[in-house]
Amino acid sequence: MEAYKQFFDFEQAPFSVCPNPKFFYSSRSHAEGLDHLRYGIYEGLGFTMITGEPGTGKTMLLRYFIGQAGEDLKIVHIQDPRMSPKELLRAVLESIEVPRSPQADLTERELAEELQELLLLAQRQTKKVVVLLDEAQGLNFEALEGLRLISNLETDSEKLIHIVLFGQTELEERLRERRLRQFDQRILVRCRLRPLESEEIRPHIEHQLLVGRVDPGTEFPLESTAKIYEISAGLPRMVNVLCERAMMSAFLQDTRKIRVQHVVEGWESLNRIGIL
């Protein structure tokens, strides 16, 4: 709504649910997640797993990491990993800068051999190949087994490929299955993202307002941020949704001071459409 945008005079919507890495807020938990990512990759430990409940910011962390990655990393980002081992191999190959796309009639073994050649080339160029898989809880047994075999591509001294799984906590449960024991044992670096802590709500909100270049007269008093934490339980996605609805309620009342009543009205509007 143009009038709403003009009223708060922002350049970008500050509380979008889209995982725009420009709005990444480094909470304690997300800082830990970044540290685990970097450690797993640069120490060459093969597999890293980042899990969390829906709305904790896994995809935001993933995209922020991609944006911050240096030239020493060759990133392969697979948004929907629900595919067969052969499709997964082809997706990784096609994501790496190759002179030609792998032929559709190549066998799985031939695709793996071609991938190994490319990984050895990347190693000679002192680049690390990192595969980031979002929504990894959707991986079936065959795909997980395919990832395990891909992770076997190595030299005598180091792994040639680094695989990071981002998924909901159901992924942890899946990996406890007996048939996935070998896979589970290979994941040496693990981090579970937590919701924002109560004292992080206000800095998070202020960060979003600043990045979105919202009118500096826009204010979330302490009692409002406390109410937001109470309702959202600190889940970043729900914090953002609540803030956006509260700002809309304040706009309709012609004020830039986001009071508790605006937060409650935003909460009630979300309840009516079954989001909260």
Protein backbone atom coordinates (compact mmCIF):
# COMPACT_ATOMS: atom_id res chain seq x y z
CA MET A 1 0.00 0.00 0.00
CA GLU A 2 1.59 3.24 -1.18
CA ALA A 3 0.03 5.40 1.55
CA TYR A 4 1.42 3.07 4.21
CA LYS A 5 4.89 3.24 2.65
CA GLN A 6 4.78 7.01 2.43
CA PHE A 7 3.55 7.33 6.03
CA PHE A 8 6.55 5.44 7.42
CA ASP A 9 8.79 6.75 4.62
CA PHE A 10 10.78 3.51 4.16
CA GLU A 11 12.92 2.48 1.22
CA GLN A 12 12.37 -1.25 1.82
CA ALA A 13 9.71 -3.01 3.85
CA PRO A 14 11.52 -3.57 7.17
CA PHE A 15 9.64 -6.68 8.26
CA SER A 16 9.30 -8.75 5.11
CA VAL A 17 9.17 -12.51 5.61
CA CYS A 18 11.40 -12.95 2.54
CA PRO A 19 14.90 -13.99 3.67
CA ASN A 20 16.71 -10.91 2.35
CA PRO A 21 20.28 -11.21 3.71
CA LYS A 22 20.52 -7.42 3.81
CA PHE A 23 18.26 -7.61 6.89
CA PHE A 24 20.27 -10.35 8.63
CA TYR A 25 20.45 -9.70 12.37
CA SER A 26 23.34 -11.41 14.11
CA SER A 27 21.68 -12.80 17.22
CA ARG A 28 23.72 -14.97 19.57
CA SER A 29 22.28 -18.09 18.02
CA HIS A 30 22.87 -16.95 14.43
CA ALA A 31 26.43 -15.90 15.27
CA GLU A 32 26.99 -19.43 16.62
CA GLY A 33 25.49 -20.85 13.43
CA LEU A 34 27.92 -18.83 11.29
CA ASP A 35 30.85 -19.95 13.44
CA HIS A 36 29.82 -23.59 13.04
CA LEU A 37 29.46 -23.15 9.27
CA ARG A 38 32.89 -21.63 8.86
CA TYR A 39 34.53 -24.13 11.17
CA GLY A 40 33.05 -27.16 9.42
CA ILE A 41 34.03 -25.86 5.98
CA TYR A 42 37.50 -24.49 6.65
CA GLU A 43 38.52 -27.41 8.83
CA GLY A 44 37.43 -29.75 6.04
CA LEU A 45 35.17 -31.89 8.20
CA GLY A 46 32.88 -33.02 5.38
CA PHE A 47 29.36 -32.56 6.75
CA THR A 48 27.84 -29.71 8.75
CA MET A 49 24.20 -29.64 9.89
CA ILE A 50 22.21 -26.53 10.84
CA THR A 51 18.73 -27.23 12.19
CA GLY A 52 15.94 -25.26 13.79
CA GLU A 53 12.21 -24.97 14.18
CA PRO A 54 10.28 -23.25 11.35
CA GLY A 55 10.83 -19.51 11.48
CA THR A 56 14.17 -19.52 13.30
CA GLY A 57 16.01 -18.09 10.28
CA LYS A 58 17.78 -21.04 8.67
CA THR A 59 17.33 -19.82 5.11
CA MET A 60 18.26 -16.26 6.13
CA LEU A 61 21.50 -17.60 7.64
CA LEU A 62 22.19 -19.64 4.51
CA ARG A 63 21.71 -16.66 2.18
CA TYR A 64 23.73 -14.36 4.40
CA PHE A 65 26.58 -16.88 4.36
CA ILE A 66 26.43 -17.04 0.56
CA GLY A 67 26.60 -13.25 0.36
CA GLN A 68 29.62 -13.15 2.67
CA ALA A 69 31.51 -16.03 1.05
CA GLY A 70 34.93 -15.18 -0.34
CA GLU A 71 36.44 -16.12 -3.67
CA ASP A 72 38.08 -19.11 -2.03
CA LEU A 73 34.67 -20.80 -1.86
CA LYS A 74 32.71 -22.17 -4.79
CA ILE A 75 29.12 -22.30 -3.56
CA VAL A 76 26.48 -24.72 -4.84
CA HIS A 77 23.04 -23.80 -3.46
CA ILE A 78 20.31 -26.42 -3.84
CA GLN A 79 16.97 -25.02 -2.67
CA ASP A 80 14.90 -28.19 -3.07
CA PRO A 81 17.03 -31.31 -2.58
CA ARG A 82 14.19 -33.79 -3.07
CA MET A 83 15.79 -35.65 -5.95
CA SER A 84 17.44 -38.93 -6.81
CA PRO A 85 21.20 -39.44 -6.27
CA LYS A 86 21.77 -39.10 -10.01
CA GLU A 87 19.73 -35.88 -10.19
CA LEU A 88 21.68 -34.57 -7.21
CA LEU A 89 25.00 -35.30 -8.90
CA ARG A 90 23.84 -33.57 -12.05
CA ALA A 91 22.59 -30.55 -10.07
CA VAL A 92 25.97 -30.18 -8.34
CA LEU A 93 27.83 -30.51 -11.64
CA GLU A 94 25.62 -27.97 -13.37
CA SER A 95 26.06 -25.51 -10.52
CA ILE A 96 29.84 -25.62 -10.72
CA GLU A 97 31.26 -23.61 -13.59
CA VAL A 98 31.75 -26.31 -16.15
CA PRO A 99 32.41 -25.81 -19.88
CA ARG A 100 29.40 -27.95 -20.72
CA SER A 101 26.40 -29.38 -18.96
CA PRO A 102 26.75 -33.07 -18.13
CA GLN A 103 25.14 -35.30 -20.68
CA ALA A 104 21.77 -36.74 -19.66
CA ASP A 105 22.82 -40.25 -20.71
CA LEU A 106 25.84 -40.43 -18.37
CA THR A 107 25.58 -43.08 -15.69
CA GLU A 108 25.68 -42.21 -12.01
CA ARG A 109 29.24 -43.52 -11.81
CA GLU A 110 30.34 -41.43 -14.82
CA LEU A 111 28.76 -38.34 -13.27
CA ALA A 112 30.65 -39.01 -10.03
CA GLU A 113 33.92 -39.38 -11.96
CA GLU A 114 33.31 -36.10 -13.76
CA LEU A 115 32.54 -34.41 -10.46
CA GLN A 116 35.76 -35.74 -8.93
CA GLU A 117 37.78 -34.28 -11.82
CA LEU A 118 36.18 -30.88 -11.27
CA LEU A 119 36.77 -31.07 -7.52
CA LEU A 120 40.44 -31.88 -8.07
CA LEU A 121 40.66 -28.87 -10.42
CA ALA A 122 39.09 -26.66 -7.75
CA GLN A 123 41.60 -27.99 -5.21
CA ARG A 124 44.50 -27.06 -7.49
CA GLN A 125 42.99 -23.57 -7.70
CA THR A 126 42.87 -23.53 -3.84
CA LYS A 127 39.08 -23.31 -3.87
CA LYS A 128 36.72 -25.22 -1.62
CA VAL A 129 33.49 -26.54 -3.14
CA VAL A 130 30.58 -26.16 -0.71
CA VAL A 131 27.14 -27.65 -1.30
CA LEU A 132 24.38 -25.94 0.71
CA LEU A 133 21.11 -27.87 0.83
CA ASP A 134 18.04 -26.04 2.10
CA GLU A 135 14.95 -27.87 3.40
CA ALA A 136 17.12 -30.94 3.97
CA GLN A 137 14.43 -32.62 6.09
CA GLY A 138 12.85 -33.48 2.72
CA LEU A 139 15.76 -35.72 1.67
CA ASN A 140 14.78 -39.37 1.35
CA PHE A 141 17.03 -42.32 2.20
CA GLU A 142 18.32 -42.68 -1.37
CA ALA A 143 19.26 -38.99 -1.58
CA LEU A 144 21.01 -39.09 1.80
CA GLU A 145 22.93 -42.18 0.73
CA GLY A 146 23.87 -40.36 -2.48
CA LEU A 147 25.22 -37.45 -0.41
CA ARG A 148 27.23 -39.87 1.70
CA LEU A 149 28.83 -41.30 -1.43
CA ILE A 150 29.55 -37.80 -2.79
CA SER A 151 31.27 -36.98 0.50
CA ASN A 152 33.65 -39.90 -0.17
CA LEU A 153 35.31 -37.82 -2.89
CA GLU A 154 38.61 -36.98 -1.21
CA THR A 155 42.37 -37.15 -1.44
CA ASP A 156 44.67 -38.83 1.06
CA SER A 157 44.81 -35.59 3.06
CA GLU A 158 41.54 -33.71 2.65
CA LYS A 159 37.90 -33.73 1.66
CA LEU A 160 37.22 -32.40 -1.84
CA ILE A 161 33.65 -31.35 -1.14
CA HIS A 162 31.90 -29.84 1.88
CA ILE A 163 28.20 -30.44 2.41
CA VAL A 164 25.96 -28.36 4.67
CA LEU A 165 22.44 -29.50 5.53
CA PHE A 166 19.91 -26.86 6.58
CA GLY A 167 16.69 -28.39 7.86
CA GLN A 168 13.94 -28.47 10.41
CA THR A 169 14.41 -30.51 13.58
CA GLU A 170 12.70 -33.47 11.87
CA LEU A 171 16.03 -33.98 10.09
CA GLU A 172 17.67 -34.81 13.41
CA GLU A 173 14.97 -37.41 14.05
CA ARG A 174 15.40 -38.93 10.59
CA LEU A 175 19.11 -39.40 11.12
CA ARG A 176 18.48 -41.46 14.26
CA GLU A 177 17.08 -44.24 12.07
CA ARG A 178 19.29 -47.31 12.21
CA ARG A 179 19.75 -47.48 8.43
CA LEU A 180 21.14 -43.91 8.46
CA ARG A 181 23.64 -44.58 11.23
CA GLN A 182 26.66 -44.35 8.92
CA PHE A 183 25.46 -41.04 7.55
CA ASP A 184 24.73 -39.63 10.99
CA GLN A 185 28.20 -40.53 12.25
CA ARG A 186 29.78 -38.42 9.51
CA ILE A 187 28.15 -35.18 10.66
CA LEU A 188 30.82 -33.83 13.00
CA VAL A 189 29.61 -30.22 13.17
CA ARG A 190 26.04 -29.53 14.32
CA CYS A 191 24.18 -26.44 15.41
CA ARG A 192 20.53 -25.93 16.31
CA LEU A 193 19.28 -22.37 15.86
CA ARG A 194 17.32 -20.94 18.78
CA PRO A 195 14.68 -18.20 18.85
CA LEU A 196 15.70 -14.67 19.75
CA GLU A 197 16.19 -14.05 23.44
CA SER A 198 13.97 -11.47 25.13
CA GLU A 199 16.73 -8.85 25.24
CA GLU A 200 17.40 -9.33 21.51
CA ILE A 201 13.90 -8.37 20.35
CA ARG A 202 14.40 -4.62 20.57
CA PRO A 203 17.85 -4.62 18.84
CA HIS A 204 16.41 -6.88 16.14
CA ILE A 205 13.52 -4.50 15.51
CA GLU A 206 15.79 -1.44 15.52
CA HIS A 207 18.11 -3.18 13.05
CA GLN A 208 15.24 -3.89 10.65
CA LEU A 209 14.01 -0.30 10.87
CA LEU A 210 17.50 1.03 10.23
CA VAL A 211 18.22 -1.19 7.23
CA GLY A 212 14.80 -0.44 5.72
CA ARG A 213 15.47 3.29 6.24
CA VAL A 214 12.17 3.78 8.05
CA ASP A 215 11.21 7.25 9.29
CA PRO A 216 13.32 7.73 12.47
CA GLY A 217 10.17 8.86 14.30
CA THR A 218 8.89 5.27 14.18
CA GLU A 219 9.09 3.85 17.69
CA PHE A 220 8.48 0.52 19.39
CA PRO A 221 8.37 1.26 23.16
CA LEU A 222 9.73 -1.33 25.60
CA GLU A 223 6.28 -2.55 26.59
CA SER A 224 5.49 -3.19 22.91
CA THR A 225 8.65 -5.19 22.30
CA ALA A 226 7.94 -7.18 25.47
CA LYS A 227 4.47 -8.02 24.12
CA ILE A 228 5.96 -9.01 20.76
CA TYR A 229 8.33 -11.42 22.53
CA GLU A 230 5.50 -12.85 24.61
CA ILE A 231 3.38 -13.60 21.54
CA SER A 232 6.11 -14.70 19.13
CA ALA A 233 8.25 -16.67 21.61
CA GLY A 234 11.20 -15.00 19.87
CA LEU A 235 10.82 -16.71 16.48
CA PRO A 236 12.31 -14.16 14.03
CA ARG A 237 9.71 -14.80 11.34
CA MET A 238 6.82 -14.27 13.76
CA VAL A 239 8.51 -11.20 15.25
CA ASN A 240 8.62 -9.69 11.77
CA VAL A 241 5.05 -10.63 10.93
CA LEU A 242 3.80 -9.15 14.21
CA CYS A 243 5.79 -5.95 13.73
CA GLU A 244 4.43 -5.47 10.22
CA ARG A 245 0.84 -5.96 11.39
CA ALA A 246 1.38 -3.67 14.38
CA MET A 247 2.76 -0.95 12.09
CA MET A 248 -0.28 -1.30 9.85
CA SER A 249 -2.56 -0.90 12.88
CA ALA A 250 -0.61 2.22 13.95
CA PHE A 251 -0.84 3.61 10.41
CA LEU A 252 -4.61 3.28 10.47
CA GLN A 253 -4.59 5.33 13.68
CA ASP A 254 -2.21 7.91 12.20
CA THR A 255 0.67 7.34 14.63
CA ARG A 256 4.27 6.18 14.31
CA LYS A 257 4.43 5.07 17.92
CA ILE A 258 3.72 1.36 17.93
CA ARG A 259 1.90 0.73 21.19
CA VAL A 260 0.87 -2.52 22.85
CA GLN A 261 -2.67 -2.11 21.53
CA HIS A 262 -1.30 -2.09 17.97
CA VAL A 263 0.66 -5.27 18.65
CA VAL A 264 -2.47 -6.94 20.07
CA GLU A 265 -4.58 -5.79 17.12
CA GLY A 266 -1.94 -7.18 14.75
CA TRP A 267 -1.97 -10.47 16.66
CA GLU A 268 -5.77 -10.66 16.48
CA SER A 269 -5.72 -10.03 12.72
CA LEU A 270 -3.23 -12.89 12.30
CA ASN A 271 -5.39 -15.16 14.43
CA ARG A 272 -8.36 -14.45 12.20
CA ILE A 273 -6.51 -15.78 9.17
CA GLY A 274 -4.99 -18.70 11.09
CA ILE A 275 -1.31 -17.65 11.06
CA LEU A 276 -0.89 -17.48 14.85
